[in-house]
Structures are given as C-alpha cells and as structure tokens.
Protein backbone atom coordinates (compact mmCIF):
# COMPACT_ATOMS: atom_id res chain seq x y z
CA MET A 1 82.65 126.43 87.31
CA LYS A 2 81.04 126.30 83.77
CA LEU A 3 82.49 124.00 81.27
CA ILE A 4 81.78 124.44 77.38
CA SER A 5 81.65 121.69 75.00
CA GLU A 6 83.21 121.76 71.33
CA THR A 7 80.89 123.51 68.66
CA PHE A 8 78.65 121.10 66.89
CA VAL A 9 76.06 121.24 64.02
CA CYS A 10 72.37 121.39 65.23
CA PRO A 11 70.79 118.38 64.38
CA SER A 12 67.60 120.09 63.21
CA THR A 13 69.11 123.29 61.49
CA GLY A 14 72.64 122.82 60.45
CA TRP A 15 73.92 125.95 62.73
CA GLY A 16 76.55 125.70 65.03
CA VAL A 17 75.55 124.89 68.83
CA PHE A 18 77.63 124.19 71.99
CA LEU A 19 76.51 122.58 75.34
CA VAL A 20 77.24 124.14 78.63
CA TYR A 21 77.54 122.29 81.97
CA ASP A 22 77.14 124.25 84.96
CA GLU A 23 78.78 122.25 87.87
CA GLU A 24 77.30 124.60 90.51
CA SER A 25 73.79 124.35 89.44
CA CYS A 26 74.37 120.75 88.01
CA GLU A 27 72.60 121.92 84.77
CA LEU A 28 73.32 121.17 81.03
CA TYR A 29 72.14 123.33 78.37
CA ALA A 30 72.52 124.22 74.66
CA ARG A 31 73.46 127.60 73.09
CA VAL A 32 73.91 128.83 70.04
CA CYS A 33 77.21 129.55 68.50
CA ASP A 34 77.65 133.17 67.32
CA SER A 35 81.26 133.63 66.43
CA GLY A 36 83.79 132.68 63.96
CA GLU A 37 82.12 130.84 61.04
CA TRP A 38 78.83 131.14 62.77
CA ASP A 39 79.00 134.89 63.35
CA PRO A 40 75.51 136.21 62.17
CA ASP A 41 77.15 139.46 60.87
CA PHE A 42 79.47 137.49 58.24
CA VAL A 43 77.26 134.76 57.24
CA ASP A 44 74.90 134.41 54.30
CA GLU A 45 71.54 136.17 54.85
CA ASP A 46 69.95 132.95 53.64
CA LEU A 47 71.19 131.14 56.62
CA LEU A 48 69.75 133.46 59.28
CA PRO A 49 66.53 131.96 59.28
CA ASP A 50 68.55 128.74 60.63
CA LEU A 51 69.83 130.80 63.41
CA GLU A 52 66.39 131.51 64.81
CA ALA A 53 65.39 127.85 64.45
CA THR A 54 68.41 127.08 66.23
CA GLU A 55 67.48 129.45 68.93
CA ILE A 56 64.13 127.41 69.44
CA TRP A 57 66.01 124.10 69.18
CA CYS A 58 68.19 125.40 72.26
CA GLU A 59 65.09 126.40 74.03
CA HIS A 60 63.56 122.79 73.58
CA PHE A 61 66.92 121.30 74.72
CA GLY A 62 66.13 123.25 77.88
CA TYR A 63 67.93 123.02 81.22
CA ARG A 64 68.59 119.61 82.17
CA PRO A 65 69.61 118.20 85.37
CA CYS A 66 73.17 116.70 85.17
CA ASP A 67 74.98 115.43 88.31
CA SER A 68 78.44 115.02 86.74
CA TYR A 69 80.82 115.93 84.37
CA LEU A 70 81.01 112.13 83.08
CA GLU A 71 76.83 112.56 82.73
CA ALA A 72 77.31 115.81 80.58
CA GLN A 73 80.12 114.17 78.46
CA MET A 74 77.60 111.37 77.67
CA VAL A 75 75.01 113.81 76.10
CA ALA A 76 77.73 115.59 74.44
CA ASP A 77 79.13 112.13 72.75
CA GLN A 78 75.09 111.95 71.32
CA PHE A 79 76.53 115.03 69.29
CA ASN A 80 79.81 114.16 68.65
CA ALA A 81 81.26 116.80 70.81
CA SER A 82 83.26 116.57 74.03
CA PHE A 83 83.94 119.19 76.85
C-alpha cells in the first residue's frame, strides 16, 4: 500500500509537494503537487519556473529506504507534514 502525506511547501522553491511511503518496496519519495492551488494550468505563469525547480528537488530527494511507517513519519515531521 502507498501512503501519501499532506501537501507541504518545498523548502527550496515554495511549490507544493508531498511524500509517498510505499510499504511494499519500503521506500519513501517526494512528488510535485499538481492539483488544487498547485494546478499548473491555473497558477500564475511567473510561478512555473518554481514548478520545474521543484521537480528537480524531488529528484534530489530520491527514493530513500524506509522500513516503517514511523520512520516515514519522522521524515514527514521534518517538513511539518503527516501521513
């Protein structure tokens, strides 16, 4: 099962991101938020470079080994988010 965190603001760009904890593969990774207030089709064009930079931030976050929900939550806590 994949658990998705609350959306939080990327520390590098200010765009919305969220974490995904994949219980089957025991991995944690970040994804760019693209819905609601973060929908690229409805956001000010001046913010679109932030979207591209946020995709890079997510790539740098990478796929991290994560053995438990508690471990995933500890990482989410660093971004003031929860699962």
